[in-house]
Amino acid sequence: MFDYYASEEPLISLDELCDYLNIGKNTAYKLLNSGAIKAWKIGRIWKIPHRAVQDYIFQETKMKVAQW
């Protein structure tokens, strides 16, 4: 598994993810289900480490800069 799952990183909710990235729920679900943002589910509730969102932003920024 991922290192930050075992750490004491804060977890955010799906709604917080949407607010943080300024995206809709459908887009958030696509990112989570595809593994673009590393997270897991307990029952029907997504557990999203804040660090995973930061990693996603870093990777996306890095890819966009490389394309310029």
PDB file of N, CA and C in Angstrom:
ATOM      1  N   MET A   1       0.826  -1.194   0.000  1.00  0.00           N
ATOM      2  CA  MET A   1       0.000   0.000   0.000  1.00  0.00           C
ATOM      3  C   MET A   1       0.865   1.249   0.000  1.00  0.00           C
ATOM      4  N   PHE A   2       0.234   2.370   0.124  1.00  0.00           N
ATOM      5  CA  PHE A   2       0.914   3.650   0.053  1.00  0.00           C
ATOM      6  C   PHE A   2       1.362   4.083   1.439  1.00  0.00           C
ATOM      7  N   ASP A   3       2.527   4.717   1.495  1.00  0.00           N
ATOM      8  CA  ASP A   3       3.116   5.115   2.764  1.00  0.00           C
ATOM      9  C   ASP A   3       2.211   6.015   3.585  1.00  0.00           C
ATOM     10  N   TYR A   4       1.507   6.926   2.926  1.00  0.00           N
ATOM     11  CA  TYR A   4       0.753   7.896   3.698  1.00  0.00           C
ATOM     12  C   TYR A   4      -0.546   7.337   4.251  1.00  0.00           C
ATOM     13  N   TYR A   5      -0.938   6.126   3.887  1.00  0.00           N
ATOM     14  CA  TYR A   5      -2.111   5.524   4.508  1.00  0.00           C
ATOM     15  C   TYR A   5      -1.848   5.211   5.973  1.00  0.00           C
ATOM     16  N   ALA A   6      -0.632   4.785   6.280  1.00  0.00           N
ATOM     17  CA  ALA A   6      -0.307   4.380   7.640  1.00  0.00           C
ATOM     18  C   ALA A   6       0.088   5.567   8.515  1.00  0.00           C
ATOM     19  N   SER A   7       0.345   6.691   7.909  1.00  0.00           N
ATOM     20  CA  SER A   7       0.776   7.845   8.691  1.00  0.00           C
ATOM     21  C   SER A   7      -0.426   8.550   9.311  1.00  0.00           C
ATOM     22  N   GLU A   8      -0.139   9.632   9.983  1.00  0.00           N
ATOM     23  CA  GLU A   8      -1.201  10.378  10.639  1.00  0.00           C
ATOM     24  C   GLU A   8      -1.628  11.580   9.801  1.00  0.00           C
ATOM     25  N   GLU A   9      -1.523  11.448   8.481  1.00  0.00           N
ATOM     26  CA  GLU A   9      -1.962  12.511   7.583  1.00  0.00           C
ATOM     27  C   GLU A   9      -3.465  12.716   7.744  1.00  0.00           C
ATOM     28  N   PRO A  10      -3.895  13.965   7.684  1.00  0.00           N
ATOM     29  CA  PRO A  10      -5.336  14.210   7.775  1.00  0.00           C
ATOM     30  C   PRO A  10      -6.061  13.684   6.543  1.00  0.00           C
ATOM     31  N   LEU A  11      -7.265  13.213   6.755  1.00  0.00           N
ATOM     32  CA  LEU A  11      -8.105  12.738   5.667  1.00  0.00           C
ATOM     33  C   LEU A  11      -9.125  13.820   5.341  1.00  0.00           C
ATOM     34  N   ILE A  12      -9.485  13.913   4.066  1.00  0.00           N
ATOM     35  CA  ILE A  12     -10.506  14.864   3.672  1.00  0.00           C
ATOM     36  C   ILE A  12     -11.685  14.112   3.067  1.00  0.00           C
ATOM     37  N   SER A  13     -12.830  14.752   3.050  1.00  0.00           N
ATOM     38  CA  SER A  13     -14.042  14.147   2.505  1.00  0.00           C
ATOM     39  C   SER A  13     -14.123  14.415   1.001  1.00  0.00           C
ATOM     40  N   LEU A  14     -15.053  13.763   0.364  1.00  0.00           N
ATOM     41  CA  LEU A  14     -15.278  13.981  -1.057  1.00  0.00           C
ATOM     42  C   LEU A  14     -15.669  15.437  -1.315  1.00  0.00           C
ATOM     43  N   ASP A  15     -16.529  15.990  -0.487  1.00  0.00           N
ATOM     44  CA  ASP A  15     -16.936  17.388  -0.646  1.00  0.00           C
ATOM     45  C   ASP A  15     -15.745  18.334  -0.490  1.00  0.00           C
ATOM     46  N   GLU A  16     -14.872  18.033   0.466  1.00  0.00           N
ATOM     47  CA  GLU A  16     -13.677  18.867   0.651  1.00  0.00           C
ATOM     48  C   GLU A  16     -12.750  18.762  -0.559  1.00  0.00           C
ATOM     49  N   LEU A  17     -12.641  17.564  -1.135  1.00  0.00           N
ATOM     50  CA  LEU A  17     -11.846  17.381  -2.342  1.00  0.00           C
ATOM     51  C   LEU A  17     -12.398  18.241  -3.472  1.00  0.00           C
ATOM     52  N   CYS A  18     -13.713  18.229  -3.628  1.00  0.00           N
ATOM     53  CA  CYS A  18     -14.351  19.030  -4.676  1.00  0.00           C
ATOM     54  C   CYS A  18     -14.083  20.515  -4.461  1.00  0.00           C
ATOM     55  N   ASP A  19     -14.198  20.973  -3.240  1.00  0.00           N
ATOM     56  CA  ASP A  19     -13.928  22.381  -2.935  1.00  0.00           C
ATOM     57  C   ASP A  19     -12.459  22.721  -3.175  1.00  0.00           C
ATOM     58  N   TYR A  20     -11.583  21.853  -2.730  1.00  0.00           N
ATOM     59  CA  TYR A  20     -10.138  22.085  -2.820  1.00  0.00           C
ATOM     60  C   TYR A  20      -9.677  22.209  -4.269  1.00  0.00           C
ATOM     61  N   LEU A  21     -10.207  21.328  -5.148  1.00  0.00           N
ATOM     62  CA  LEU A  21      -9.803  21.323  -6.551  1.00  0.00           C
ATOM     63  C   LEU A  21     -10.763  22.116  -7.443  1.00  0.00           C
ATOM     64  N   ASN A  22     -11.855  22.602  -6.854  1.00  0.00           N
ATOM     65  CA  ASN A  22     -12.873  23.340  -7.603  1.00  0.00           C
ATOM     66  C   ASN A  22     -13.412  22.495  -8.762  1.00  0.00           C
ATOM     67  N   ILE A  23     -13.826  21.265  -8.410  1.00  0.00           N
ATOM     68  CA  ILE A  23     -14.363  20.324  -9.391  1.00  0.00           C
ATOM     69  C   ILE A  23     -15.703  19.801  -8.885  1.00  0.00           C
ATOM     70  N   GLY A  24     -16.452  19.183  -9.774  1.00  0.00           N
ATOM     71  CA  GLY A  24     -17.716  18.568  -9.402  1.00  0.00           C
ATOM     72  C   GLY A  24     -17.509  17.154  -8.880  1.00  0.00           C
ATOM     73  N   LYS A  25     -18.579  16.598  -8.333  1.00  0.00           N
ATOM     74  CA  LYS A  25     -18.490  15.247  -7.763  1.00  0.00           C
ATOM     75  C   LYS A  25     -18.203  14.192  -8.826  1.00  0.00           C
ATOM     76  N   ASN A  26     -18.775  14.341 -10.010  1.00  0.00           N
ATOM     77  CA  ASN A  26     -18.515  13.354 -11.065  1.00  0.00           C
ATOM     78  C   ASN A  26     -17.032  13.295 -11.410  1.00  0.00           C
ATOM     79  N   THR A  27     -16.408  14.455 -11.525  1.00  0.00           N
ATOM     80  CA  THR A  27     -14.970  14.502 -11.808  1.00  0.00           C
ATOM     81  C   THR A  27     -14.177  13.908 -10.652  1.00  0.00           C
ATOM     82  N   ALA A  28     -14.589  14.215  -9.430  1.00  0.00           N
ATOM     83  CA  ALA A  28     -13.908  13.671  -8.253  1.00  0.00           C
ATOM     84  C   ALA A  28     -13.987  12.143  -8.252  1.00  0.00           C
ATOM     85  N   TYR A  29     -15.163  11.603  -8.522  1.00  0.00           N
ATOM     86  CA  TYR A  29     -15.315  10.149  -8.566  1.00  0.00           C
ATOM     87  C   TYR A  29     -14.429   9.538  -9.654  1.00  0.00           C
ATOM     88  N   LYS A  30     -14.319  10.192 -10.804  1.00  0.00           N
ATOM     89  CA  LYS A  30     -13.461   9.687 -11.878  1.00  0.00           C
ATOM     90  C   LYS A  30     -12.000   9.644 -11.426  1.00  0.00           C
ATOM     91  N   LEU A  31     -11.549  10.714 -10.757  1.00  0.00           N
ATOM     92  CA  LEU A  31     -10.167  10.763 -10.277  1.00  0.00           C
ATOM     93  C   LEU A  31      -9.902   9.676  -9.238  1.00  0.00           C
ATOM     94  N   LEU A  32     -10.858   9.453  -8.359  1.00  0.00           N
ATOM     95  CA  LEU A  32     -10.684   8.449  -7.305  1.00  0.00           C
ATOM     96  C   LEU A  32     -10.763   7.033  -7.870  1.00  0.00           C
ATOM     97  N   ASN A  33     -11.752   6.783  -8.696  1.00  0.00           N
ATOM     98  CA  ASN A  33     -11.923   5.434  -9.250  1.00  0.00           C
ATOM     99  C   ASN A  33     -10.797   5.044 -10.199  1.00  0.00           C
ATOM    100  N   SER A  34     -10.206   6.017 -10.882  1.00  0.00           N
ATOM    101  CA  SER A  34      -9.109   5.718 -11.808  1.00  0.00           C
ATOM    102  C   SER A  34      -7.778   5.533 -11.085  1.00  0.00           C
ATOM    103  N   GLY A  35      -7.718   5.981  -9.825  1.00  0.00           N
ATOM    104  CA  GLY A  35      -6.468   5.889  -9.080  1.00  0.00           C
ATOM    105  C   GLY A  35      -5.581   7.105  -9.266  1.00  0.00           C
ATOM    106  N   ALA A  36      -6.057   8.109  -9.983  1.00  0.00           N
ATOM    107  CA  ALA A  36      -5.270   9.334 -10.169  1.00  0.00           C
ATOM    108  C   ALA A  36      -4.995   9.993  -8.821  1.00  0.00           C
ATOM    109  N   ILE A  37      -5.975   9.933  -7.942  1.00  0.00           N
ATOM    110  CA  ILE A  37      -5.794  10.355  -6.555  1.00  0.00           C
ATOM    111  C   ILE A  37      -5.896   9.093  -5.713  1.00  0.00           C
ATOM    112  N   LYS A  38      -4.837   8.772  -5.013  1.00  0.00           N
ATOM    113  CA  LYS A  38      -4.772   7.542  -4.234  1.00  0.00           C
ATOM    114  C   LYS A  38      -5.651   7.673  -2.978  1.00  0.00           C
ATOM    115  N   ALA A  39      -6.655   6.827  -2.913  1.00  0.00           N
ATOM    116  CA  ALA A  39      -7.597   6.846  -1.788  1.00  0.00           C
ATOM    117  C   ALA A  39      -8.212   5.460  -1.657  1.00  0.00           C
ATOM    118  N   TRP A  40      -9.020   5.267  -0.663  1.00  0.00           N
ATOM    119  CA  TRP A  40      -9.697   3.989  -0.481  1.00  0.00           C
ATOM    120  C   TRP A  40     -11.080   4.238   0.074  1.00  0.00           C
ATOM    121  N   LYS A  41     -11.888   3.177   0.038  1.00  0.00           N
ATOM    122  CA  LYS A  41     -13.252   3.271   0.533  1.00  0.00           C
ATOM    123  C   LYS A  41     -13.443   2.354   1.714  1.00  0.00           C
ATOM    124  N   ILE A  42     -14.226   2.835   2.651  1.00  0.00           N
ATOM    125  CA  ILE A  42     -14.732   1.992   3.734  1.00  0.00           C
ATOM    126  C   ILE A  42     -16.243   2.060   3.589  1.00  0.00           C
ATOM    127  N   GLY A  43     -16.819   0.949   3.180  1.00  0.00           N
ATOM    128  CA  GLY A  43     -18.239   0.966   2.844  1.00  0.00           C
ATOM    129  C   GLY A  43     -18.429   1.836   1.616  1.00  0.00           C
ATOM    130  N   ARG A  44     -19.244   2.870   1.754  1.00  0.00           N
ATOM    131  CA  ARG A  44     -19.489   3.789   0.646  1.00  0.00           C
ATOM    132  C   ARG A  44     -18.760   5.116   0.819  1.00  0.00           C
ATOM    133  N   ILE A  45     -17.952   5.222   1.856  1.00  0.00           N
ATOM    134  CA  ILE A  45     -17.283   6.477   2.186  1.00  0.00           C
ATOM    135  C   ILE A  45     -15.828   6.449   1.705  1.00  0.00           C
ATOM    136  N   TRP A  46     -15.456   7.458   0.922  1.00  0.00           N
ATOM    137  CA  TRP A  46     -14.077   7.587   0.461  1.00  0.00           C
ATOM    138  C   TRP A  46     -13.211   8.161   1.569  1.00  0.00           C
ATOM    139  N   LYS A  47     -12.036   7.595   1.741  1.00  0.00           N
ATOM    140  CA  LYS A  47     -11.018   8.092   2.665  1.00  0.00           C
ATOM    141  C   LYS A  47      -9.881   8.633   1.802  1.00  0.00           C
ATOM    142  N   ILE A  48      -9.714   9.949   1.830  1.00  0.00           N
ATOM    143  CA  ILE A  48      -8.780  10.614   0.919  1.00  0.00           C
ATOM    144  C   ILE A  48      -7.705  11.327   1.729  1.00  0.00           C
ATOM    145  N   PRO A  49      -6.484  10.840   1.704  1.00  0.00           N
ATOM    146  CA  PRO A  49      -5.402  11.538   2.403  1.00  0.00           C
ATOM    147  C   PRO A  49      -5.104  12.878   1.735  1.00  0.00           C
ATOM    148  N   HIS A  50      -4.962  13.903   2.528  1.00  0.00           N
ATOM    149  CA  HIS A  50      -4.651  15.229   1.991  1.00  0.00           C
ATOM    150  C   HIS A  50      -3.372  15.170   1.170  1.00  0.00           C
ATOM    151  N   ARG A  51      -2.424  14.374   1.609  1.00  0.00           N
ATOM    152  CA  ARG A  51      -1.150  14.219   0.897  1.00  0.00           C
ATOM    153  C   ARG A  51      -1.364  13.669  -0.518  1.00  0.00           C
ATOM    154  N   ALA A  52      -2.332  12.774  -0.684  1.00  0.00           N
ATOM    155  CA  ALA A  52      -2.610  12.211  -2.006  1.00  0.00           C
ATOM    156  C   ALA A  52      -3.107  13.285  -2.967  1.00  0.00           C
ATOM    157  N   VAL A  53      -3.870  14.229  -2.450  1.00  0.00           N
ATOM    158  CA  VAL A  53      -4.350  15.340  -3.277  1.00  0.00           C
ATOM    159  C   VAL A  53      -3.173  16.237  -3.664  1.00  0.00           C
ATOM    160  N   GLN A  54      -2.294  16.500  -2.718  1.00  0.00           N
ATOM    161  CA  GLN A  54      -1.102  17.303  -3.003  1.00  0.00           C
ATOM    162  C   GLN A  54      -0.221  16.608  -4.040  1.00  0.00           C
ATOM    163  N   ASP A  55      -0.071  15.297  -3.915  1.00  0.00           N
ATOM    164  CA  ASP A  55       0.716  14.528  -4.894  1.00  0.00           C
ATOM    165  C   ASP A  55       0.103  14.630  -6.286  1.00  0.00           C
ATOM    166  N   TYR A  56      -1.225  14.542  -6.353  1.00  0.00           N
ATOM    167  CA  TYR A  56      -1.925  14.653  -7.634  1.00  0.00           C
ATOM    168  C   TYR A  56      -1.675  16.028  -8.266  1.00  0.00           C
ATOM    169  N   ILE A  57      -1.801  17.075  -7.472  1.00  0.00           N
ATOM    170  CA  ILE A  57      -1.578  18.432  -7.984  1.00  0.00           C
ATOM    171  C   ILE A  57      -0.135  18.573  -8.480  1.00  0.00           C
ATOM    172  N   PHE A  58       0.808  18.061  -7.723  1.00  0.00           N
ATOM    173  CA  PHE A  58       2.216  18.132  -8.119  1.00  0.00           C
ATOM    174  C   PHE A  58       2.448  17.417  -9.446  1.00  0.00           C
ATOM    175  N   GLN A  59       1.917  16.205  -9.579  1.00  0.00           N
ATOM    176  CA  GLN A  59       2.097  15.428 -10.806  1.00  0.00           C
ATOM    177  C   GLN A  59       1.457  16.119 -12.004  1.00  0.00           C
ATOM    178  N   GLU A  60       0.264  16.646 -11.819  1.00  0.00           N
ATOM    179  CA  GLU A  60      -0.423  17.325 -12.918  1.00  0.00           C
ATOM    180  C   GLU A  60       0.325  18.593 -13.330  1.00  0.00           C
ATOM    181  N   THR A  61       0.821  19.326 -12.349  1.00  0.00           N
ATOM    182  CA  THR A  61       1.573  20.543 -12.634  1.00  0.00           C
ATOM    183  C   THR A  61       2.857  20.199 -13.375  1.00  0.00           C
ATOM    184  N   LYS A  62       3.526  19.163 -12.923  1.00  0.00           N
ATOM    185  CA  LYS A  62       4.773  18.721 -13.543  1.00  0.00           C
ATOM    186  C   LYS A  62       4.539  18.308 -15.000  1.00  0.00           C
ATOM    187  N   MET A  63       3.442  17.613 -15.264  1.00  0.00           N
ATOM    188  CA  MET A  63       3.122  17.177 -16.626  1.00  0.00           C
ATOM    189  C   MET A  63       2.789  18.382 -17.508  1.00  0.00           C
ATOM    190  N   LYS A  64       2.050  19.341 -16.975  1.00  0.00           N
ATOM    191  CA  LYS A  64       1.669  20.515 -17.768  1.00  0.00           C
ATOM    192  C   LYS A  64       2.900  21.357 -18.106  1.00  0.00           C
ATOM    193  N   VAL A  65       3.803  21.521 -17.156  1.00  0.00           N
ATOM    194  CA  VAL A  65       5.019  22.308 -17.390  1.00  0.00           C
ATOM    195  C   VAL A  65       5.896  21.611 -18.427  1.00  0.00           C
ATOM    196  N   ALA A  66       5.960  20.296 -18.388  1.00  0.00           N
ATOM    197  CA  ALA A  66       6.788  19.551 -19.334  1.00  0.00           C
ATOM    198  C   ALA A  66       6.264  19.686 -20.764  1.00  0.00           C
ATOM    199  N   GLN A  67       4.980  19.918 -20.906  1.00  0.00           N
ATOM    200  CA  GLN A  67       4.377  20.053 -22.236  1.00  0.00           C
ATOM    201  C   GLN A  67       4.628  21.421 -22.850  1.00  0.00           C
ATOM    202  N   TRP A  68       5.014  22.405 -22.052  1.00  0.00           N
ATOM    203  CA  TRP A  68       5.242  23.770 -22.563  1.00  0.00           C
ATOM    204  C   TRP A  68       6.489  23.810 -23.301  1.00  0.00           C
TER     205      TRP A  68
END
